[in-house]
C-alpha atoms as a PDB file:
ATOM      1  CA  MET A   1      93.334  58.109  94.528  1.00  0.00           C
ATOM      2  CA  SER A   2      95.554  59.454  91.907  1.00  0.00           C
ATOM      3  CA  TRP A   3      98.808  60.949  92.967  1.00  0.00           C
ATOM      4  CA  MET A   4      97.455  64.416  92.209  1.00  0.00           C
ATOM      5  CA  GLU A   5      94.364  63.774  94.283  1.00  0.00           C
ATOM      6  CA  ARG A   6      96.412  62.455  97.148  1.00  0.00           C
ATOM      7  CA  TYR A   7      98.753  65.532  97.009  1.00  0.00           C
ATOM      8  CA  LEU A   8      95.920  67.877  97.122  1.00  0.00           C
ATOM      9  CA  LEU A   9      94.222  66.106  99.926  1.00  0.00           C
ATOM     10  CA  ALA A  10      97.429  66.328 101.955  1.00  0.00           C
ATOM     11  CA  ILE A  11      97.538  70.212 101.328  1.00  0.00           C
ATOM     12  CA  THR A  12      93.931  71.108 101.663  1.00  0.00           C
ATOM     13  CA  GLY A  13      92.325  68.250 103.585  1.00  0.00           C
ATOM     14  CA  ARG A  14      89.644  67.901 100.880  1.00  0.00           C
ATOM     15  CA  ARG A  15      89.030  65.673  97.961  1.00  0.00           C
ATOM     16  CA  PHE A  16      88.722  67.354  94.488  1.00  0.00           C
ATOM     17  CA  ALA A  17      86.665  66.227  91.599  1.00  0.00           C
ATOM     18  CA  PRO A  18      87.992  64.846  88.411  1.00  0.00           C
ATOM     19  CA  ARG A  19      87.653  68.108  86.243  1.00  0.00           C
ATOM     20  CA  PRO A  20      89.520  70.436  88.836  1.00  0.00           C
ATOM     21  CA  LEU A  21      92.185  67.790  89.175  1.00  0.00           C
ATOM     22  CA  ARG A  22      92.418  67.679  85.351  1.00  0.00           C
ATOM     23  CA  LEU A  23      93.026  71.460  85.350  1.00  0.00           C
ATOM     24  CA  LEU A  24      95.487  71.459  88.300  1.00  0.00           C
ATOM     25  CA  GLU A  25      97.578  68.783  86.631  1.00  0.00           C
ATOM     26  CA  ALA A  26      97.633  70.703  83.440  1.00  0.00           C
ATOM     27  CA  ILE A  27      98.874  73.836  85.343  1.00  0.00           C
ATOM     28  CA  TRP A  28     102.064  71.706  86.193  1.00  0.00           C
ATOM     29  CA  CYS A  29     102.378  70.213  82.700  1.00  0.00           C
ATOM     30  CA  TYR A  30     102.148  73.288  80.680  1.00  0.00           C
ATOM     31  CA  THR A  31     105.160  75.064  82.398  1.00  0.00           C
ATOM     32  CA  SER A  32     107.450  72.005  82.648  1.00  0.00           C
ATOM     33  CA  TYR A  33     109.820  72.898  79.777  1.00  0.00           C
ATOM     34  CA  PRO A  34     112.792  70.486  79.364  1.00  0.00           C
ATOM     35  CA  ASP A  35     115.122  73.556  78.495  1.00  0.00           C
ATOM     36  CA  ALA A  36     118.408  74.004  80.219  1.00  0.00           C
ATOM     37  CA  ARG A  37     118.431  77.626  79.339  1.00  0.00           C
ATOM     38  CA  ILE A  38     115.760  78.284  81.967  1.00  0.00           C
ATOM     39  CA  TRP A  39     117.197  79.566  85.251  1.00  0.00           C
ATOM     40  CA  ASN A  40     116.010  76.681  87.562  1.00  0.00           C
ATOM     41  CA  ASN A  41     116.600  73.814  85.017  1.00  0.00           C
ATOM     42  CA  ARG A  42     120.052  75.140  84.575  1.00  0.00           C
ATOM     43  CA  VAL A  43     120.739  74.004  88.059  1.00  0.00           C
ATOM     44  CA  SER A  44     119.556  70.595  87.454  1.00  0.00           C
ATOM     45  CA  ALA A  45     121.874  70.485  84.415  1.00  0.00           C
ATOM     46  CA  LEU A  46     124.893  71.707  86.423  1.00  0.00           C
ATOM     47  CA  ALA A  47     124.120  68.979  88.894  1.00  0.00           C
ATOM     48  CA  GLY A  48     124.310  66.420  86.010  1.00  0.00           C
ATOM     49  CA  THR A  49     127.659  67.903  84.533  1.00  0.00           C
ATOM     50  CA  THR A  50     129.255  67.697  87.987  1.00  0.00           C
ATOM     51  CA  ARG A  51     128.002  64.115  88.558  1.00  0.00           C
ATOM     52  CA  SER A  52     125.956  65.010  91.547  1.00  0.00           C
ATOM     53  CA  THR A  53     122.872  62.998  92.197  1.00  0.00           C
ATOM     54  CA  GLY A  54     119.452  63.597  90.622  1.00  0.00           C
ATOM     55  CA  ASN A  55     117.851  64.033  93.896  1.00  0.00           C
ATOM     56  CA  LEU A  56     120.435  66.786  94.997  1.00  0.00           C
ATOM     57  CA  GLY A  57     120.116  68.315  91.543  1.00  0.00           C
ATOM     58  CA  LEU A  58     116.474  68.389  91.149  1.00  0.00           C
ATOM     59  CA  SER A  59     115.895  69.544  94.866  1.00  0.00           C
ATOM     60  CA  ALA A  60     118.276  72.452  94.324  1.00  0.00           C
ATOM     61  CA  ALA A  61     116.391  73.419  91.126  1.00  0.00           C
ATOM     62  CA  LEU A  62     113.200  73.268  92.904  1.00  0.00           C
ATOM     63  CA  ALA A  63     114.611  75.408  95.715  1.00  0.00           C
ATOM     64  CA  LEU A  64     115.681  78.091  93.199  1.00  0.00           C
ATOM     65  CA  SER A  65     112.141  78.045  91.834  1.00  0.00           C
ATOM     66  CA  GLU A  66     111.308  80.134  94.934  1.00  0.00           C
ATOM     67  CA  ALA A  67     112.551  83.248  92.853  1.00  0.00           C
ATOM     68  CA  ASP A  68     110.847  86.284  94.198  1.00  0.00           C
ATOM     69  CA  ILE A  69     111.057  88.040  90.643  1.00  0.00           C
ATOM     70  CA  TYR A  70     110.039  85.382  88.190  1.00  0.00           C
ATOM     71  CA  GLY A  71     109.418  82.040  90.105  1.00  0.00           C
ATOM     72  CA  LEU A  72     106.841  81.283  92.716  1.00  0.00           C
ATOM     73  CA  GLY A  73     107.055  84.604  94.386  1.00  0.00           C
ATOM     74  CA  PRO A  74     104.887  86.409  91.813  1.00  0.00           C
ATOM     75  CA  CYS A  75     102.390  83.549  91.869  1.00  0.00           C
ATOM     76  CA  VAL A  76     101.857  83.717  95.639  1.00  0.00           C
ATOM     77  CA  ARG A  77     101.744  87.597  95.463  1.00  0.00           C
ATOM     78  CA  ALA A  78      99.136  87.172  92.592  1.00  0.00           C
ATOM     79  CA  ILE A  79      96.722  85.034  94.460  1.00  0.00           C
ATOM     80  CA  GLU A  80      97.055  87.182  97.672  1.00  0.00           C
ATOM     81  CA  PHE A  81      96.240  90.304  95.611  1.00  0.00           C
ATOM     82  CA  LEU A  82      93.220  88.592  93.790  1.00  0.00           C
ATOM     83  CA  ILE A  83      91.711  87.210  97.009  1.00  0.00           C
ATOM     84  CA  ARG A  84      92.319  90.582  99.056  1.00  0.00           C
ATOM     85  CA  THR A  85      90.900  92.625  96.193  1.00  0.00           C
ATOM     86  CA  ARG A  86      87.803  90.719  95.441  1.00  0.00           C
ATOM     87  CA  VAL A  87      86.890  90.784  99.464  1.00  0.00           C
ATOM     88  CA  GLU A  88      87.408  94.706  99.196  1.00  0.00           C
ATOM     89  CA  LEU A  89      85.178  94.812  95.904  1.00  0.00           C
ATOM     90  CA  ALA A  90      82.510  92.692  97.563  1.00  0.00           C
ATOM     91  CA  GLY A  91      82.445  95.389 100.223  1.00  0.00           C
ATOM     92  CA  GLY A  92      81.883  98.184  97.930  1.00  0.00           C
ATOM     93  CA  GLY A  93      85.468  99.046  96.873  1.00  0.00           C
ATOM     94  CA  GLU A  94      86.354 100.263  93.450  1.00  0.00           C
ATOM     95  CA  LEU A  95      89.038  98.388  91.405  1.00  0.00           C
ATOM     96  CA  ALA A  96      91.142 101.460  90.229  1.00  0.00           C
ATOM     97  CA  ALA A  97      91.325 102.648  93.849  1.00  0.00           C
ATOM     98  CA  CYS A  98      92.531  99.118  94.931  1.00  0.00           C
ATOM     99  CA  LEU A  99      95.221  99.155  92.332  1.00  0.00           C
ATOM    100  CA  ARG A 100      96.285 102.788  93.431  1.00  0.00           C
ATOM    101  CA  ARG A 101      96.550 101.813  97.017  1.00  0.00           C
ATOM    102  CA  GLU A 102      98.682  98.476  96.091  1.00  0.00           C
ATOM    103  CA  ARG A 103     101.197 100.788  94.424  1.00  0.00           C
ATOM    104  CA  SER A 104     101.073 103.327  97.074  1.00  0.00           C
ATOM    105  CA  GLN A 105     102.134 100.773  99.640  1.00  0.00           C
ATOM    106  CA  GLY A 106     104.900  99.663  97.622  1.00  0.00           C
ATOM    107  CA  ARG A 107     103.610  96.050  96.850  1.00  0.00           C
ATOM    108  CA  THR A 108     104.703  94.557  93.538  1.00  0.00           C
ATOM    109  CA  LEU A 109     101.685  93.316  91.517  1.00  0.00           C
ATOM    110  CA  GLY A 110     102.588  89.681  90.806  1.00  0.00           C
ATOM    111  CA  GLY A 111     101.206  88.087  87.655  1.00  0.00           C
ATOM    112  CA  TYR A 112     101.374  90.998  85.273  1.00  0.00           C
ATOM    113  CA  GLY A 113     104.117  91.827  82.732  1.00  0.00           C
ATOM    114  CA  ARG A 114     106.915  89.484  81.461  1.00  0.00           C
ATOM    115  CA  PRO A 115     110.419  90.293  80.330  1.00  0.00           C
ATOM    116  CA  LEU A 116     111.493  89.868  76.872  1.00  0.00           C
ATOM    117  CA  CYS A 117     108.134  88.517  75.623  1.00  0.00           C
ATOM    118  CA  ALA A 118     104.870  90.350  76.702  1.00  0.00           C
ATOM    119  CA  ALA A 119     102.553  87.548  75.428  1.00  0.00           C
ATOM    120  CA  ASP A 120     102.743  84.379  77.510  1.00  0.00           C
ATOM    121  CA  GLU A 121     102.303  81.327  75.408  1.00  0.00           C
ATOM    122  CA  ARG A 122     100.881  79.342  78.393  1.00  0.00           C
ATOM    123  CA  ILE A 123      97.763  81.205  78.829  1.00  0.00           C
ATOM    124  CA  ALA A 124      95.634  80.284  75.759  1.00  0.00           C
ATOM    125  CA  PRO A 125      95.951  76.390  76.210  1.00  0.00           C
ATOM    126  CA  THR A 126      95.311  76.784  79.903  1.00  0.00           C
ATOM    127  CA  VAL A 127      92.106  78.943  79.470  1.00  0.00           C
ATOM    128  CA  ASP A 128      90.886  76.693  76.628  1.00  0.00           C
ATOM    129  CA  LEU A 129      91.065  73.815  78.936  1.00  0.00           C
ATOM    130  CA  ALA A 130      89.451  75.514  81.759  1.00  0.00           C
ATOM    131  CA  ARG A 131      86.695  76.607  79.402  1.00  0.00           C
ATOM    132  CA  SER A 132      86.146  72.921  78.050  1.00  0.00           C
ATOM    133  CA  LEU A 133      86.106  71.784  81.715  1.00  0.00           C
ATOM    134  CA  GLY A 134      83.412  74.503  82.756  1.00  0.00           C
ATOM    135  CA  LEU A 135      86.023  76.027  85.057  1.00  0.00           C
ATOM    136  CA  ALA A 136      86.643  79.417  83.436  1.00  0.00           C
ATOM    137  CA  GLY A 137      83.576  81.394  84.952  1.00  0.00           C
ATOM    138  CA  GLY A 138      84.965  81.971  88.330  1.00  0.00           C
ATOM    139  CA  PRO A 139      85.040  85.386  89.980  1.00  0.00           C
ATOM    140  CA  HIS A 140      88.867  85.465  90.610  1.00  0.00           C
ATOM    141  CA  LEU A 141      89.533  84.829  86.925  1.00  0.00           C
ATOM    142  CA  ALA A 142      87.148  87.606  85.890  1.00  0.00           C
ATOM    143  CA  LEU A 143      88.943  90.102  88.518  1.00  0.00           C
ATOM    144  CA  ALA A 144      92.326  89.002  86.945  1.00  0.00           C
ATOM    145  CA  TYR A 145      91.109  90.094  83.428  1.00  0.00           C
ATOM    146  CA  ALA A 146      89.668  93.289  84.770  1.00  0.00           C
ATOM    147  CA  VAL A 147      93.036  94.124  86.369  1.00  0.00           C
ATOM    148  CA  GLU A 148      94.599  93.274  83.006  1.00  0.00           C
ATOM    149  CA  ALA A 149      92.302  95.675  81.295  1.00  0.00           C
ATOM    150  CA  LEU A 150      93.256  98.599  83.542  1.00  0.00           C
ATOM    151  CA  LEU A 151      96.886  97.855  83.507  1.00  0.00           C
ATOM    152  CA  ILE A 152      97.324  97.688  79.858  1.00  0.00           C
ATOM    153  CA  ALA A 153      95.456 100.956  79.393  1.00  0.00           C
ATOM    154  CA  GLU A 154      98.502 102.432  81.015  1.00  0.00           C
ATOM    155  CA  ARG A 155     101.330 100.151  79.834  1.00  0.00           C
ATOM    156  CA  PRO A 156     100.598  97.665  77.122  1.00  0.00           C
ATOM    157  CA  ALA A 157     103.293  95.405  78.271  1.00  0.00           C
ATOM    158  CA  LEU A 158     101.575  94.656  81.578  1.00  0.00           C
ATOM    159  CA  ARG A 159      99.454  91.732  80.144  1.00  0.00           C
ATOM    160  CA  MET A 160      98.594  89.015  82.380  1.00  0.00           C
ATOM    161  CA  ASN A 161     101.022  86.271  82.617  1.00  0.00           C
ATOM    162  CA  TYR A 162     100.740  82.742  83.781  1.00  0.00           C
ATOM    163  CA  GLY A 163     101.220  83.651  87.439  1.00  0.00           C
ATOM    164  CA  ALA A 164      98.086  85.615  87.578  1.00  0.00           C
ATOM    165  CA  LEU A 165      96.171  83.168  85.411  1.00  0.00           C
ATOM    166  CA  ILE A 166      96.935  80.091  87.609  1.00  0.00           C
ATOM    167  CA  ALA A 167      96.324  82.146  90.828  1.00  0.00           C
ATOM    168  CA  ALA A 168      92.961  83.009  89.806  1.00  0.00           C
ATOM    169  CA  LEU A 169      92.021  79.576  88.774  1.00  0.00           C
ATOM    170  CA  ALA A 170      93.301  78.166  92.015  1.00  0.00           C
ATOM    171  CA  ALA A 171      91.500  80.664  94.056  1.00  0.00           C
ATOM    172  CA  ASP A 172      88.096  79.942  92.241  1.00  0.00           C
ATOM    173  CA  LEU A 173      88.871  76.364  93.094  1.00  0.00           C
ATOM    174  CA  GLY A 174      89.091  77.381  96.920  1.00  0.00           C
ATOM    175  CA  LEU A 175      92.785  77.213  97.440  1.00  0.00           C
ATOM    176  CA  THR A 176      94.219  79.752  99.869  1.00  0.00           C
ATOM    177  CA  SER A 177      97.468  81.454  99.331  1.00  0.00           C
ATOM    178  CA  HIS A 178      99.416  78.917 101.494  1.00  0.00           C
ATOM    179  CA  GLU A 179      97.830  75.978  99.735  1.00  0.00           C
ATOM    180  CA  HIS A 180      98.508  77.473  96.422  1.00  0.00           C
ATOM    181  CA  HIS A 181     102.111  77.922  97.253  1.00  0.00           C
ATOM    182  CA  LEU A 182     102.497  74.325  98.412  1.00  0.00           C
ATOM    183  CA  PHE A 183     100.799  73.080  95.144  1.00  0.00           C
ATOM    184  CA  LEU A 184     103.142  75.028  93.099  1.00  0.00           C
ATOM    185  CA  ILE A 185     106.249  73.279  94.445  1.00  0.00           C
ATOM    186  CA  PRO A 186     106.486  70.787  91.554  1.00  0.00           C
ATOM    187  CA  LEU A 187     105.493  73.289  88.820  1.00  0.00           C
ATOM    188  CA  PHE A 188     108.787  72.981  86.862  1.00  0.00           C
ATOM    189  CA  LEU A 189     109.676  69.491  88.150  1.00  0.00           C
ATOM    190  CA  ALA A 190     108.903  67.622  84.846  1.00  0.00           C
ATOM    191  CA  GLY A 191     111.273  69.682  82.747  1.00  0.00           C
ATOM    192  CA  MET A 192     114.119  69.455  85.206  1.00  0.00           C
ATOM    193  CA  ALA A 193     114.966  65.550  84.906  1.00  0.00           C
ATOM    194  CA  PRO A 194     115.628  65.776  81.078  1.00  0.00           C
ATOM    195  CA  CYS A 195     118.082  68.700  81.721  1.00  0.00           C
ATOM    196  CA  TYR A 196     120.001  66.658  84.344  1.00  0.00           C
ATOM    197  CA  LEU A 197     119.972  63.443  82.233  1.00  0.00           C
ATOM    198  CA  GLU A 198     121.237  65.448  79.113  1.00  0.00           C
ATOM    199  CA  ALA A 199     124.097  66.887  81.060  1.00  0.00           C
ATOM    200  CA  ALA A 200     124.923  63.672  82.715  1.00  0.00           C
ATOM    201  CA  ALA A 201     125.145  61.775  79.351  1.00  0.00           C
ATOM    202  CA  HIS A 202     128.008  64.174  78.301  1.00  0.00           C
ATOM    203  CA  PRO A 203     131.651  64.519  79.565  1.00  0.00           C
ATOM    204  CA  ALA A 204     131.727  65.740  83.023  1.00  0.00           C
ATOM    205  CA  GLY A 205     132.121  69.546  83.005  1.00  0.00           C
ATOM    206  CA  ALA A 206     130.808  70.047  79.574  1.00  0.00           C
ATOM    207  CA  PHE A 207     127.745  71.998  80.386  1.00  0.00           C
ATOM    208  CA  LEU A 208     128.547  75.672  80.588  1.00  0.00           C
ATOM    209  CA  PRO A 209     132.260  75.066  81.002  1.00  0.00           C
ATOM    210  CA  LEU A 210     133.386  78.646  80.648  1.00  0.00           C
ATOM    211  CA  PRO A 211     133.663  80.836  83.749  1.00  0.00           C
ATOM    212  CA  CYS A 212     132.748  84.415  83.273  1.00  0.00           C
ATOM    213  CA  HIS A 213     136.396  85.678  83.282  1.00  0.00           C
ATOM    214  CA  GLY A 214     137.096  83.350  80.296  1.00  0.00           C
ATOM    215  CA  VAL A 215     134.992  85.299  77.987  1.00  0.00           C
ATOM    216  CA  ALA A 216     136.865  88.113  76.028  1.00  0.00           C
ATOM    217  CA  TYR A 217     134.079  90.744  75.878  1.00  0.00           C
ATOM    218  CA  ARG A 218     134.710  93.641  73.329  1.00  0.00           C
ATOM    219  CA  GLY A 219     131.391  95.348  73.529  1.00  0.00           C
ATOM    220  CA  ALA A 220     130.381  98.583  75.104  1.00  0.00           C
ATOM    221  CA  PRO A 221     132.410  99.591  78.158  1.00  0.00           C
ATOM    222  CA  ARG A 222     130.836  99.204  81.556  1.00  0.00           C
ATOM    223  CA  ARG A 223     128.503 102.015  82.648  1.00  0.00           C
ATOM    224  CA  THR A 224     127.618 103.396  85.979  1.00  0.00           C
ATOM    225  CA  TRP A 225     123.908 103.072  86.905  1.00  0.00           C
ATOM    226  CA  GLY A 226     122.289 105.861  88.914  1.00  0.00           C
ATOM    227  CA  PRO A 227     119.878 108.724  88.915  1.00  0.00           C
ATOM    228  CA  ALA A 228     119.937 110.787  85.747  1.00  0.00           C
END
């Protein structure tokens, strides 16, 4: 077995064919950016600059990847929503009504919208690969696009991001929410080691050496946030 096949066997108890394995491996590769400005990669770089071990640094960075706003949290919420909604639609439900109920229950819709940049550059290559492998015709992926169409009709910024895309692909490959979560653990890992090594190659403490109180800010004064 390849390492990927072995890992998925450990998670799901079943063996995957070569084409699904290729797609699932690409999902990891396409989001492992070796950029220390990314929130979790910064932890691995801080470990390097403090001369911690690579194991501790990468483990801490992976733990931070559980972020509920922009880490694995939205990915898990996305697959739970897609699986739940598809079951309801199969039972005669209507998509717009499902979305209204999700909102009325206070659930955050994971996988849609992205801060700073609405377009997610990882979607096109991932979809292209899925199509080339014959794995882009599943019902959960179709549902993910249908949800996007309804959302952007209200707010154009609520486009599908990588979280909803990979959740849909995983669901179409038969992964449960829990299995998908375990599969996602190494999602950013390949980008973390270069950040650790680069910081470790420079003098200790050289990465982000300034504390917040060491920055002389001369911009707009502090504002109090509250209801208008």
